């Protein structure tokens, strides 16, 4: 399971060797659990999801309440949302489970979690809730290139097509 990764954080380049200790296994487990969570959420919504009630009834505490009300009242945007939430969650989860396009999946998973976090406005017990933890899971999985460990991204990155286009590595990992 040896995997090395180099990231730049706050202007400093850092090397990670996931083969030391249990770090790699914990990262793979985090990727798999987050992937299953989103895959299951998406699959259970396929064919019967309607975001109208969620959007129209966003709490007053939500900074996105006006946007959500507008989205609920705009037919094309509501239909787009009704299609993209289940399909997006399913594809994001699948990408994380198999370890393919992990950074891309983590980015879009993070975008969805920001909308869920701000849309739910479930801050009765403070600002830290399950949606914020979900956002952190996507940030961890994407930042630490979890797809390179026991995932298809490790294989995809070695393909000649990707080797000739190094910018594609930003979507992988």
C-alpha atoms as a PDB file:
ATOM      1  CA  UNK A   1       0.000   0.000   0.000  1.00  0.00           C
ATOM      2  CA  UNK A   2       2.985   2.298  -0.309  1.00  0.00           C
ATOM      3  CA  UNK A   3       1.941   5.718  -1.481  1.00  0.00           C
ATOM      4  CA  UNK A   4       3.754   8.992  -1.397  1.00  0.00           C
ATOM      5  CA  UNK A   5       2.166  12.361  -1.842  1.00  0.00           C
ATOM      6  CA  UNK A   6       3.475  15.855  -1.958  1.00  0.00           C
ATOM      7  CA  UNK A   7       1.268  18.824  -1.080  1.00  0.00           C
ATOM      8  CA  UNK A   8       1.883  22.510  -0.677  1.00  0.00           C
ATOM      9  CA  UNK A   9       0.372  24.062   2.412  1.00  0.00           C
ATOM     10  CA  UNK A  10       0.762  27.727   3.340  1.00  0.00           C
ATOM     11  CA  UNK A  11       3.691  28.051   0.950  1.00  0.00           C
ATOM     12  CA  UNK A  12       5.549  25.016   2.356  1.00  0.00           C
ATOM     13  CA  UNK A  13       5.973  21.797   0.398  1.00  0.00           C
ATOM     14  CA  UNK A  14       5.344  18.715   2.511  1.00  0.00           C
ATOM     15  CA  UNK A  15       5.909  15.038   1.744  1.00  0.00           C
ATOM     16  CA  UNK A  16       3.628  12.331   3.134  1.00  0.00           C
ATOM     17  CA  UNK A  17       4.548   8.673   3.165  1.00  0.00           C
ATOM     18  CA  UNK A  18       1.344   6.742   3.757  1.00  0.00           C
ATOM     19  CA  UNK A  19       3.155   3.430   4.111  1.00  0.00           C
ATOM     20  CA  UNK A  20       4.320   4.357   7.606  1.00  0.00           C
ATOM     21  CA  UNK A  21       1.989   3.330  10.385  1.00  0.00           C
ATOM     22  CA  UNK A  22      -1.748   3.098   9.950  1.00  0.00           C
ATOM     23  CA  UNK A  23      -2.260   6.478   8.270  1.00  0.00           C
ATOM     24  CA  UNK A  24      -2.923   4.961   4.861  1.00  0.00           C
ATOM     25  CA  UNK A  25      -5.455   2.488   6.203  1.00  0.00           C
ATOM     26  CA  UNK A  26      -7.292   5.205   8.144  1.00  0.00           C
ATOM     27  CA  UNK A  27      -7.374   7.378   5.033  1.00  0.00           C
ATOM     28  CA  UNK A  28      -8.720   4.525   2.883  1.00  0.00           C
ATOM     29  CA  UNK A  29     -11.344   3.759   5.529  1.00  0.00           C
ATOM     30  CA  UNK A  30     -12.342   7.445   5.630  1.00  0.00           C
ATOM     31  CA  UNK A  31     -12.649   7.459   1.836  1.00  0.00           C
ATOM     32  CA  UNK A  32     -14.742   4.275   1.813  1.00  0.00           C
ATOM     33  CA  UNK A  33     -17.074   5.366   4.613  1.00  0.00           C
ATOM     34  CA  UNK A  34     -17.607   8.801   3.068  1.00  0.00           C
ATOM     35  CA  UNK A  35     -18.132   7.183  -0.334  1.00  0.00           C
ATOM     36  CA  UNK A  36     -20.652   4.683   0.985  1.00  0.00           C
ATOM     37  CA  UNK A  37     -22.469   7.451   2.880  1.00  0.00           C
ATOM     38  CA  UNK A  38     -22.952   9.512  -0.281  1.00  0.00           C
ATOM     39  CA  UNK A  39     -23.554   6.538  -2.575  1.00  0.00           C
ATOM     40  CA  UNK A  40     -26.305   5.240  -0.300  1.00  0.00           C
ATOM     41  CA  UNK A  41     -27.843   8.707   0.059  1.00  0.00           C
ATOM     42  CA  UNK A  42     -27.911   9.121  -3.725  1.00  0.00           C
ATOM     43  CA  UNK A  43     -29.177   5.667  -4.654  1.00  0.00           C
ATOM     44  CA  UNK A  44     -32.064   5.882  -2.191  1.00  0.00           C
ATOM     45  CA  UNK A  45     -33.154   9.169  -3.798  1.00  0.00           C
ATOM     46  CA  UNK A  46     -33.007   7.998  -7.424  1.00  0.00           C
ATOM     47  CA  UNK A  47     -36.391   8.073  -9.119  1.00  0.00           C
ATOM     48  CA  UNK A  48     -38.328   9.812  -6.374  1.00  0.00           C
ATOM     49  CA  UNK A  49     -36.488  12.848  -5.038  1.00  0.00           C
ATOM     50  CA  UNK A  50     -38.197  16.229  -4.789  1.00  0.00           C
ATOM     51  CA  UNK A  51     -36.244  19.098  -3.242  1.00  0.00           C
ATOM     52  CA  UNK A  52     -39.158  21.571  -3.362  1.00  0.00           C
ATOM     53  CA  UNK A  53     -40.096  21.200   0.305  1.00  0.00           C
ATOM     54  CA  UNK A  54     -36.491  21.367   1.491  1.00  0.00           C
ATOM     55  CA  UNK A  55     -35.783  24.457  -0.595  1.00  0.00           C
ATOM     56  CA  UNK A  56     -39.026  26.301   0.132  1.00  0.00           C
ATOM     57  CA  UNK A  57     -38.836  25.651   3.884  1.00  0.00           C
ATOM     58  CA  UNK A  58     -35.217  26.584   4.520  1.00  0.00           C
ATOM     59  CA  UNK A  59     -34.885  28.002   8.041  1.00  0.00           C
ATOM     60  CA  UNK A  60     -34.830  31.770   8.514  1.00  0.00           C
ATOM     61  CA  UNK A  61     -31.385  31.385  10.107  1.00  0.00           C
ATOM     62  CA  UNK A  62     -29.980  30.104   6.824  1.00  0.00           C
ATOM     63  CA  UNK A  63     -27.965  32.671   4.883  1.00  0.00           C
ATOM     64  CA  UNK A  64     -29.195  30.930   1.714  1.00  0.00           C
ATOM     65  CA  UNK A  65     -32.913  31.087   2.537  1.00  0.00           C
ATOM     66  CA  UNK A  66     -33.639  33.615  -0.233  1.00  0.00           C
ATOM     67  CA  UNK A  67     -31.675  31.639  -2.806  1.00  0.00           C
ATOM     68  CA  UNK A  68     -33.408  28.393  -1.828  1.00  0.00           C
ATOM     69  CA  UNK A  69     -36.861  30.024  -2.010  1.00  0.00           C
ATOM     70  CA  UNK A  70     -36.011  31.342  -5.481  1.00  0.00           C
ATOM     71  CA  UNK A  71     -34.742  27.904  -6.556  1.00  0.00           C
ATOM     72  CA  UNK A  72     -37.955  26.254  -5.314  1.00  0.00           C
ATOM     73  CA  UNK A  73     -40.057  28.750  -7.296  1.00  0.00           C
ATOM     74  CA  UNK A  74     -37.995  28.409 -10.497  1.00  0.00           C
ATOM     75  CA  UNK A  75     -39.212  25.295 -12.358  1.00  0.00           C
ATOM     76  CA  UNK A  76     -36.094  24.602 -14.448  1.00  0.00           C
ATOM     77  CA  UNK A  77     -33.786  25.044 -11.446  1.00  0.00           C
ATOM     78  CA  UNK A  78     -35.966  22.822  -9.279  1.00  0.00           C
ATOM     79  CA  UNK A  79     -35.942  20.092 -11.950  1.00  0.00           C
ATOM     80  CA  UNK A  80     -32.180  20.432 -12.292  1.00  0.00           C
ATOM     81  CA  UNK A  81     -31.802  20.103  -8.510  1.00  0.00           C
ATOM     82  CA  UNK A  82     -34.169  17.112  -8.380  1.00  0.00           C
ATOM     83  CA  UNK A  83     -32.003  15.364 -10.980  1.00  0.00           C
ATOM     84  CA  UNK A  84     -28.530  16.432  -9.844  1.00  0.00           C
ATOM     85  CA  UNK A  85     -28.761  15.759  -6.111  1.00  0.00           C
ATOM     86  CA  UNK A  86     -29.415  11.994  -6.389  1.00  0.00           C
ATOM     87  CA  UNK A  87     -27.217  11.513  -9.458  1.00  0.00           C
ATOM     88  CA  UNK A  88     -24.449  13.679  -8.021  1.00  0.00           C
ATOM     89  CA  UNK A  89     -24.476  11.960  -4.646  1.00  0.00           C
ATOM     90  CA  UNK A  90     -24.435   8.542  -6.323  1.00  0.00           C
ATOM     91  CA  UNK A  91     -21.518   9.406  -8.641  1.00  0.00           C
ATOM     92  CA  UNK A  92     -19.538  11.137  -5.898  1.00  0.00           C
ATOM     93  CA  UNK A  93     -19.982   8.121  -3.644  1.00  0.00           C
ATOM     94  CA  UNK A  94     -19.060   5.685  -6.405  1.00  0.00           C
ATOM     95  CA  UNK A  95     -15.933   7.683  -7.245  1.00  0.00           C
ATOM     96  CA  UNK A  96     -14.797   7.594  -3.630  1.00  0.00           C
ATOM     97  CA  UNK A  97     -15.571   3.898  -3.190  1.00  0.00           C
ATOM     98  CA  UNK A  98     -13.505   2.815  -6.196  1.00  0.00           C
ATOM     99  CA  UNK A  99     -10.933   5.565  -5.698  1.00  0.00           C
ATOM    100  CA  UNK A 100     -11.354   7.179  -9.128  1.00  0.00           C
ATOM    101  CA  UNK A 101     -11.299  10.935  -9.711  1.00  0.00           C
ATOM    102  CA  UNK A 102     -11.246  11.314  -5.937  1.00  0.00           C
ATOM    103  CA  UNK A 103     -10.240  14.962  -5.838  1.00  0.00           C
ATOM    104  CA  UNK A 104     -12.962  15.884  -8.324  1.00  0.00           C
ATOM    105  CA  UNK A 105     -15.525  13.859  -6.369  1.00  0.00           C
ATOM    106  CA  UNK A 106     -14.357  15.375  -3.083  1.00  0.00           C
ATOM    107  CA  UNK A 107     -14.631  18.885  -4.529  1.00  0.00           C
ATOM    108  CA  UNK A 108     -18.239  18.388  -5.644  1.00  0.00           C
ATOM    109  CA  UNK A 109     -19.065  16.540  -2.423  1.00  0.00           C
ATOM    110  CA  UNK A 110     -17.713  19.529  -0.526  1.00  0.00           C
ATOM    111  CA  UNK A 111     -19.831  21.911  -2.615  1.00  0.00           C
ATOM    112  CA  UNK A 112     -22.948  19.892  -1.799  1.00  0.00           C
ATOM    113  CA  UNK A 113     -22.032  19.801   1.891  1.00  0.00           C
ATOM    114  CA  UNK A 114     -21.677  23.599   1.964  1.00  0.00           C
ATOM    115  CA  UNK A 115     -25.204  23.904   0.555  1.00  0.00           C
ATOM    116  CA  UNK A 116     -26.512  21.287   3.016  1.00  0.00           C
ATOM    117  CA  UNK A 117     -24.738  22.959   5.953  1.00  0.00           C
ATOM    118  CA  UNK A 118     -25.960  26.454   5.137  1.00  0.00           C
ATOM    119  CA  UNK A 119     -29.389  25.236   4.015  1.00  0.00           C
ATOM    120  CA  UNK A 120     -30.148  23.151   7.084  1.00  0.00           C
ATOM    121  CA  UNK A 121     -29.008  25.837   9.523  1.00  0.00           C
ATOM    122  CA  UNK A 122     -29.249  23.195  12.253  1.00  0.00           C
ATOM    123  CA  UNK A 123     -27.201  25.174  14.730  1.00  0.00           C
ATOM    124  CA  UNK A 124     -29.315  24.705  17.876  1.00  0.00           C
ATOM    125  CA  UNK A 125     -26.346  23.082  19.621  1.00  0.00           C
ATOM    126  CA  UNK A 126     -23.651  25.214  18.012  1.00  0.00           C
ATOM    127  CA  UNK A 127     -22.169  25.593  14.570  1.00  0.00           C
ATOM    128  CA  UNK A 128     -20.633  22.110  14.502  1.00  0.00           C
ATOM    129  CA  UNK A 129     -23.025  19.477  13.147  1.00  0.00           C
ATOM    130  CA  UNK A 130     -23.036  16.433  10.872  1.00  0.00           C
ATOM    131  CA  UNK A 131     -23.020  18.509   7.700  1.00  0.00           C
ATOM    132  CA  UNK A 132     -19.843  20.286   8.800  1.00  0.00           C
ATOM    133  CA  UNK A 133     -18.239  16.939   9.614  1.00  0.00           C
ATOM    134  CA  UNK A 134     -19.195  15.706   6.154  1.00  0.00           C
ATOM    135  CA  UNK A 135     -17.525  18.750   4.628  1.00  0.00           C
ATOM    136  CA  UNK A 136     -14.380  17.986   6.620  1.00  0.00           C
ATOM    137  CA  UNK A 137     -14.378  14.364   5.425  1.00  0.00           C
ATOM    138  CA  UNK A 138     -14.420  15.537   1.808  1.00  0.00           C
ATOM    139  CA  UNK A 139     -11.658  18.053   2.538  1.00  0.00           C
ATOM    140  CA  UNK A 140      -9.484  15.362   4.138  1.00  0.00           C
ATOM    141  CA  UNK A 141     -10.070  12.779   1.401  1.00  0.00           C
ATOM    142  CA  UNK A 142      -9.445  15.291  -1.398  1.00  0.00           C
ATOM    143  CA  UNK A 143      -6.497  17.088   0.150  1.00  0.00           C
ATOM    144  CA  UNK A 144      -4.605  13.948   1.099  1.00  0.00           C
ATOM    145  CA  UNK A 145      -5.173  12.274  -2.283  1.00  0.00           C
ATOM    146  CA  UNK A 146      -6.905   9.229  -0.823  1.00  0.00           C
ATOM    147  CA  UNK A 147      -7.525   7.690  -4.259  1.00  0.00           C
ATOM    148  CA  UNK A 148      -3.837   6.922  -4.634  1.00  0.00           C
ATOM    149  CA  UNK A 149      -4.072   4.361  -1.843  1.00  0.00           C
ATOM    150  CA  UNK A 150      -5.853   1.153  -2.863  1.00  0.00           C
ATOM    151  CA  UNK A 151      -7.796   3.105  -5.477  1.00  0.00           C
ATOM    152  CA  UNK A 152      -8.047   3.379  -9.235  1.00  0.00           C
ATOM    153  CA  UNK A 153      -6.397   6.814  -9.232  1.00  0.00           C
ATOM    154  CA  UNK A 154      -3.031   5.140  -8.584  1.00  0.00           C
ATOM    155  CA  UNK A 155      -3.490   3.177 -11.828  1.00  0.00           C
ATOM    156  CA  UNK A 156      -4.998   6.061 -13.808  1.00  0.00           C
ATOM    157  CA  UNK A 157      -2.116   8.401 -12.904  1.00  0.00           C
ATOM    158  CA  UNK A 158       0.358   5.975 -14.511  1.00  0.00           C
ATOM    159  CA  UNK A 159      -1.463   5.967 -17.859  1.00  0.00           C
ATOM    160  CA  UNK A 160       0.305   7.651 -20.747  1.00  0.00           C
ATOM    161  CA  UNK A 161      -2.669   9.951 -21.369  1.00  0.00           C
ATOM    162  CA  UNK A 162      -2.367  11.406 -17.864  1.00  0.00           C
ATOM    163  CA  UNK A 163       1.439  11.458 -17.942  1.00  0.00           C
ATOM    164  CA  UNK A 164       1.280  13.682 -21.026  1.00  0.00           C
ATOM    165  CA  UNK A 165      -1.229  16.010 -19.316  1.00  0.00           C
ATOM    166  CA  UNK A 166       0.037  16.613 -15.767  1.00  0.00           C
ATOM    167  CA  UNK A 167      -2.807  19.032 -15.041  1.00  0.00           C
ATOM    168  CA  UNK A 168      -5.149  16.012 -14.912  1.00  0.00           C
ATOM    169  CA  UNK A 169      -3.445  14.901 -11.693  1.00  0.00           C
ATOM    170  CA  UNK A 170      -5.315  17.694  -9.912  1.00  0.00           C
ATOM    171  CA  UNK A 171      -8.552  15.765 -10.555  1.00  0.00           C
ATOM    172  CA  UNK A 172      -7.051  12.461  -9.442  1.00  0.00           C
ATOM    173  CA  UNK A 173      -5.728  11.399  -6.102  1.00  0.00           C
END
